[in-house]
Amino acid sequence: MRLDVMALIGGRRVAVELKYLLRDLSATVEDELFELPFQSAQDVRRYDFVKDVARLEVLRADGAADDGFAIVLTNDPSYWQGGEREGVADAAFRLGEAAISWSK
C-alpha cells in the first residue's frame, strides 16, 4: 500500500498522508519568487483526500498503524468554504467546516 510517511514515534507506528492543493499565486518573499499553478479539479482532489483518510482507517483497522493523520495544506478557499449546490457529483466529499462532523 502506498503511503506518504510511516514513522516510529515513541514505539507507536504513525501513518501520515499529505496533500498540497494549489490555487494560482505569484508572490515574492524576501527576494524569492514563488509561482504556484492552479490545479483546479477540486472535486477530484477532495476525493483523493477522502481516499487518504480511508487508507489510514484501513491501516489502523488491520493493525499496521497505531495512529494516522491526514494533513492538507491549501491556499484555495474553495476547499474550506465548501459549496452550497446540491446534487453535484462531489457533494459527499466536501471538506468545508459545515460538512464535517468532528468527534473524538
N, C-alpha and C. Protein backbone atom coordinates (compact mmCIF):
# COMPACT_ATOMS: atom_id res chain seq x y z
N MET A 1 0.85 -1.18 0.00
CA MET A 1 0.00 0.00 0.00
C MET A 1 0.89 1.24 0.00
N ARG A 2 0.55 2.21 -0.83
CA ARG A 2 1.30 3.46 -0.93
C ARG A 2 0.93 4.37 0.24
N LEU A 3 1.94 4.98 0.84
CA LEU A 3 1.74 5.87 2.00
C LEU A 3 2.80 6.95 1.95
N ASP A 4 2.43 8.19 2.29
CA ASP A 4 3.40 9.29 2.23
C ASP A 4 4.48 9.16 3.31
N VAL A 5 4.08 8.90 4.56
CA VAL A 5 5.05 8.81 5.65
C VAL A 5 4.61 7.72 6.62
N MET A 6 5.55 6.88 7.03
CA MET A 6 5.32 5.95 8.13
C MET A 6 6.50 6.14 9.07
N ALA A 7 6.20 6.49 10.31
CA ALA A 7 7.27 6.77 11.28
C ALA A 7 7.03 5.99 12.56
N LEU A 8 8.10 5.67 13.23
CA LEU A 8 8.02 5.05 14.55
C LEU A 8 8.35 6.15 15.56
N ILE A 9 7.34 6.53 16.35
CA ILE A 9 7.48 7.63 17.31
C ILE A 9 7.08 7.12 18.68
N GLY A 10 8.03 7.07 19.58
CA GLY A 10 7.74 6.60 20.93
C GLY A 10 7.19 5.19 20.96
N GLY A 11 7.64 4.36 20.03
CA GLY A 11 7.19 2.99 19.96
C GLY A 11 5.85 2.81 19.24
N ARG A 12 5.26 3.89 18.74
CA ARG A 12 3.99 3.80 18.01
C ARG A 12 4.23 4.00 16.52
N ARG A 13 3.55 3.21 15.72
CA ARG A 13 3.63 3.33 14.26
C ARG A 13 2.62 4.39 13.82
N VAL A 14 3.15 5.48 13.25
CA VAL A 14 2.33 6.62 12.87
C VAL A 14 2.32 6.75 11.35
N ALA A 15 1.13 6.64 10.76
CA ALA A 15 0.95 6.78 9.31
C ALA A 15 0.46 8.19 9.02
N VAL A 16 1.04 8.82 7.99
CA VAL A 16 0.68 10.20 7.63
C VAL A 16 0.47 10.29 6.13
N GLU A 17 -0.64 10.89 5.75
CA GLU A 17 -0.92 11.20 4.36
C GLU A 17 -0.90 12.72 4.21
N LEU A 18 -0.27 13.23 3.15
CA LEU A 18 -0.10 14.66 2.92
C LEU A 18 -0.69 15.07 1.57
N LYS A 19 -1.36 16.21 1.55
CA LYS A 19 -1.85 16.78 0.30
C LYS A 19 -1.52 18.27 0.27
N TYR A 20 -1.15 18.75 -0.92
CA TYR A 20 -0.86 20.16 -1.14
C TYR A 20 -1.75 20.60 -2.30
N LEU A 21 -2.84 21.27 -2.02
CA LEU A 21 -3.84 21.63 -3.01
C LEU A 21 -3.68 23.10 -3.37
N LEU A 22 -3.35 23.37 -4.63
CA LEU A 22 -2.92 24.70 -5.03
C LEU A 22 -3.95 25.49 -5.81
N ARG A 23 -3.90 26.79 -5.58
CA ARG A 23 -4.57 27.79 -6.41
C ARG A 23 -3.45 28.72 -6.90
N ASP A 24 -3.62 29.27 -8.09
CA ASP A 24 -2.55 30.10 -8.64
C ASP A 24 -2.18 31.25 -7.71
N LEU A 25 -0.89 31.48 -7.61
CA LEU A 25 -0.36 32.53 -6.74
C LEU A 25 1.02 32.91 -7.24
N SER A 26 1.27 34.18 -7.28
CA SER A 26 2.59 34.69 -7.59
C SER A 26 2.95 35.66 -6.47
N ALA A 27 4.00 35.34 -5.72
CA ALA A 27 4.38 36.18 -4.58
C ALA A 27 5.89 36.17 -4.42
N THR A 28 6.40 37.28 -3.94
CA THR A 28 7.82 37.39 -3.65
C THR A 28 7.99 37.55 -2.15
N VAL A 29 8.81 36.69 -1.56
CA VAL A 29 9.08 36.73 -0.14
C VAL A 29 10.59 36.81 0.03
N GLU A 30 11.05 37.89 0.63
CA GLU A 30 12.48 38.12 0.85
C GLU A 30 13.28 37.85 -0.43
N ASP A 31 12.86 38.50 -1.51
CA ASP A 31 13.51 38.43 -2.83
C ASP A 31 13.44 37.06 -3.50
N GLU A 32 12.64 36.14 -2.97
CA GLU A 32 12.46 34.85 -3.62
C GLU A 32 11.06 34.78 -4.21
N LEU A 33 10.98 34.49 -5.51
CA LEU A 33 9.70 34.44 -6.22
C LEU A 33 9.08 33.05 -6.09
N PHE A 34 7.81 33.03 -5.72
CA PHE A 34 7.04 31.79 -5.64
C PHE A 34 5.91 31.88 -6.65
N GLU A 35 5.83 30.94 -7.55
CA GLU A 35 4.75 30.90 -8.52
C GLU A 35 4.09 29.53 -8.44
N LEU A 36 2.84 29.52 -7.96
CA LEU A 36 2.10 28.29 -7.81
C LEU A 36 1.07 28.19 -8.94
N PRO A 37 0.92 27.01 -9.52
CA PRO A 37 -0.08 26.83 -10.58
C PRO A 37 -1.48 26.63 -9.99
N PHE A 38 -2.48 26.77 -10.82
CA PHE A 38 -3.85 26.48 -10.41
C PHE A 38 -4.14 25.04 -10.79
N GLN A 39 -4.32 24.18 -9.79
CA GLN A 39 -4.54 22.77 -10.07
C GLN A 39 -5.96 22.50 -10.56
N SER A 40 -6.91 23.27 -10.12
CA SER A 40 -8.34 23.07 -10.40
C SER A 40 -8.75 21.64 -10.04
N ALA A 41 -9.77 21.11 -10.66
CA ALA A 41 -10.29 19.76 -10.39
C ALA A 41 -10.48 19.53 -8.89
N GLN A 42 -11.10 20.52 -8.22
CA GLN A 42 -11.30 20.40 -6.77
C GLN A 42 -12.10 19.15 -6.41
N ASP A 43 -13.04 18.76 -7.26
CA ASP A 43 -13.82 17.56 -6.95
C ASP A 43 -12.93 16.33 -6.87
N VAL A 44 -12.01 16.18 -7.79
CA VAL A 44 -11.09 15.04 -7.80
C VAL A 44 -10.13 15.12 -6.62
N ARG A 45 -9.62 16.30 -6.34
CA ARG A 45 -8.66 16.46 -5.24
C ARG A 45 -9.32 16.21 -3.88
N ARG A 46 -10.60 16.62 -3.72
CA ARG A 46 -11.32 16.31 -2.48
C ARG A 46 -11.48 14.80 -2.33
N TYR A 47 -11.83 14.13 -3.42
CA TYR A 47 -11.97 12.68 -3.40
C TYR A 47 -10.64 12.02 -3.03
N ASP A 48 -9.55 12.52 -3.59
CA ASP A 48 -8.22 11.98 -3.26
C ASP A 48 -7.93 12.08 -1.76
N PHE A 49 -8.32 13.20 -1.15
CA PHE A 49 -8.10 13.38 0.28
C PHE A 49 -8.94 12.39 1.09
N VAL A 50 -10.20 12.20 0.69
CA VAL A 50 -11.06 11.25 1.39
C VAL A 50 -10.51 9.83 1.23
N LYS A 51 -9.94 9.51 0.06
CA LYS A 51 -9.30 8.19 -0.13
C LYS A 51 -8.12 8.04 0.83
N ASP A 52 -7.36 9.10 1.05
CA ASP A 52 -6.25 9.05 2.01
C ASP A 52 -6.75 8.71 3.41
N VAL A 53 -7.84 9.35 3.82
CA VAL A 53 -8.42 9.09 5.14
C VAL A 53 -8.85 7.62 5.22
N ALA A 54 -9.49 7.13 4.17
CA ALA A 54 -9.92 5.73 4.15
C ALA A 54 -8.72 4.79 4.24
N ARG A 55 -7.63 5.12 3.56
CA ARG A 55 -6.41 4.31 3.61
C ARG A 55 -5.87 4.25 5.04
N LEU A 56 -5.87 5.37 5.73
CA LEU A 56 -5.41 5.40 7.12
C LEU A 56 -6.31 4.56 8.02
N GLU A 57 -7.60 4.62 7.77
CA GLU A 57 -8.53 3.82 8.57
C GLU A 57 -8.27 2.33 8.39
N VAL A 58 -7.96 1.92 7.15
CA VAL A 58 -7.65 0.51 6.89
C VAL A 58 -6.37 0.11 7.60
N LEU A 59 -5.35 0.95 7.53
CA LEU A 59 -4.07 0.65 8.20
C LEU A 59 -4.26 0.47 9.70
N ARG A 60 -5.08 1.31 10.29
CA ARG A 60 -5.34 1.19 11.73
C ARG A 60 -6.16 -0.05 12.04
N ALA A 61 -7.18 -0.32 11.24
CA ALA A 61 -8.04 -1.49 11.47
C ALA A 61 -7.26 -2.79 11.32
N ASP A 62 -6.31 -2.82 10.37
CA ASP A 62 -5.51 -4.01 10.13
C ASP A 62 -4.36 -4.16 11.13
N GLY A 63 -4.16 -3.14 11.97
CA GLY A 63 -3.07 -3.19 12.94
C GLY A 63 -1.72 -2.81 12.39
N ALA A 64 -1.69 -2.28 11.16
CA ALA A 64 -0.42 -1.88 10.54
C ALA A 64 0.06 -0.52 11.04
N ALA A 65 -0.86 0.25 11.61
CA ALA A 65 -0.51 1.57 12.16
C ALA A 65 -1.27 1.77 13.47
N ASP A 66 -0.61 2.42 14.42
CA ASP A 66 -1.27 2.73 15.69
C ASP A 66 -2.03 4.05 15.61
N ASP A 67 -1.51 4.99 14.85
CA ASP A 67 -2.10 6.32 14.70
C ASP A 67 -2.05 6.71 13.23
N GLY A 68 -2.98 7.57 12.81
CA GLY A 68 -3.00 8.04 11.44
C GLY A 68 -3.39 9.50 11.37
N PHE A 69 -2.73 10.22 10.48
CA PHE A 69 -3.01 11.64 10.30
C PHE A 69 -3.10 11.95 8.81
N ALA A 70 -4.15 12.66 8.41
CA ALA A 70 -4.29 13.16 7.05
C ALA A 70 -4.17 14.67 7.13
N ILE A 71 -3.18 15.21 6.45
CA ILE A 71 -2.89 16.65 6.53
C ILE A 71 -3.00 17.25 5.14
N VAL A 72 -3.77 18.33 5.05
CA VAL A 72 -3.89 19.03 3.77
C VAL A 72 -3.48 20.49 3.97
N LEU A 73 -2.71 21.00 3.03
CA LEU A 73 -2.29 22.40 3.02
C LEU A 73 -2.80 22.99 1.72
N THR A 74 -3.51 24.12 1.81
CA THR A 74 -4.05 24.73 0.60
C THR A 74 -4.14 26.25 0.73
N ASN A 75 -4.06 26.91 -0.39
CA ASN A 75 -4.31 28.34 -0.45
C ASN A 75 -5.58 28.62 -1.27
N ASP A 76 -6.37 27.58 -1.49
CA ASP A 76 -7.60 27.69 -2.27
C ASP A 76 -8.81 27.65 -1.33
N PRO A 77 -9.50 28.78 -1.14
CA PRO A 77 -10.61 28.83 -0.18
C PRO A 77 -11.78 27.93 -0.54
N SER A 78 -11.87 27.46 -1.77
CA SER A 78 -12.99 26.59 -2.13
C SER A 78 -12.96 25.28 -1.35
N TYR A 79 -11.80 24.91 -0.82
CA TYR A 79 -11.72 23.67 -0.04
C TYR A 79 -12.30 23.85 1.36
N TRP A 80 -12.04 24.96 2.01
CA TRP A 80 -12.54 25.11 3.38
C TRP A 80 -13.89 25.83 3.44
N GLN A 81 -14.26 26.55 2.39
CA GLN A 81 -15.55 27.22 2.40
C GLN A 81 -16.67 26.29 1.97
N GLY A 82 -16.33 25.22 1.29
CA GLY A 82 -17.34 24.27 0.85
C GLY A 82 -18.20 24.83 -0.26
N GLY A 83 -19.29 24.16 -0.53
CA GLY A 83 -20.20 24.59 -1.59
C GLY A 83 -21.63 24.44 -1.14
N GLU A 84 -22.50 25.12 -1.82
CA GLU A 84 -23.92 25.09 -1.46
C GLU A 84 -24.75 24.30 -2.45
N ARG A 85 -24.22 24.05 -3.65
CA ARG A 85 -25.01 23.38 -4.67
C ARG A 85 -25.30 21.94 -4.27
N GLU A 86 -26.55 21.55 -4.41
CA GLU A 86 -26.96 20.18 -4.10
C GLU A 86 -26.92 19.34 -5.37
N GLY A 87 -26.80 18.05 -5.20
CA GLY A 87 -26.87 17.14 -6.33
C GLY A 87 -25.64 17.12 -7.22
N VAL A 88 -24.54 17.74 -6.78
CA VAL A 88 -23.31 17.69 -7.58
C VAL A 88 -22.57 16.39 -7.28
N ALA A 89 -21.76 15.96 -8.22
CA ALA A 89 -21.10 14.65 -8.12
C ALA A 89 -20.21 14.52 -6.89
N ASP A 90 -19.60 15.61 -6.45
CA ASP A 90 -18.65 15.52 -5.33
C ASP A 90 -19.22 16.01 -4.00
N ALA A 91 -20.54 16.12 -3.87
CA ALA A 91 -21.15 16.63 -2.64
C ALA A 91 -20.72 15.82 -1.41
N ALA A 92 -20.54 14.53 -1.57
CA ALA A 92 -20.15 13.67 -0.44
C ALA A 92 -18.72 13.90 0.00
N PHE A 93 -17.94 14.59 -0.81
CA PHE A 93 -16.52 14.79 -0.49
C PHE A 93 -16.20 16.24 -0.10
N ARG A 94 -17.21 17.02 0.23
CA ARG A 94 -16.96 18.39 0.65
C ARG A 94 -16.17 18.40 1.96
N LEU A 95 -15.22 19.31 2.05
CA LEU A 95 -14.32 19.36 3.20
C LEU A 95 -14.52 20.59 4.06
N GLY A 96 -15.44 21.47 3.72
CA GLY A 96 -15.68 22.68 4.50
C GLY A 96 -16.13 22.35 5.91
N GLU A 97 -15.93 23.28 6.82
CA GLU A 97 -16.24 23.03 8.23
C GLU A 97 -17.69 22.61 8.44
N ALA A 98 -18.62 23.15 7.68
CA ALA A 98 -20.03 22.79 7.86
C ALA A 98 -20.31 21.36 7.42
N ALA A 99 -19.45 20.78 6.58
CA ALA A 99 -19.68 19.44 6.05
C ALA A 99 -19.11 18.34 6.91
N ILE A 100 -18.25 18.67 7.87
CA ILE A 100 -17.55 17.67 8.64
C ILE A 100 -18.06 17.66 10.09
N SER A 101 -18.35 16.50 10.58
CA SER A 101 -18.70 16.34 11.99
C SER A 101 -17.45 15.88 12.73
N TRP A 102 -16.93 16.72 13.59
CA TRP A 102 -15.71 16.39 14.31
C TRP A 102 -16.08 15.64 15.58
N SER A 103 -15.47 14.54 15.81
CA SER A 103 -15.69 13.77 17.03
C SER A 103 -14.37 13.23 17.54
N LYS A 104 -14.34 12.94 18.82
CA LYS A 104 -13.11 12.43 19.42
C LYS A 104 -13.16 10.94 19.53
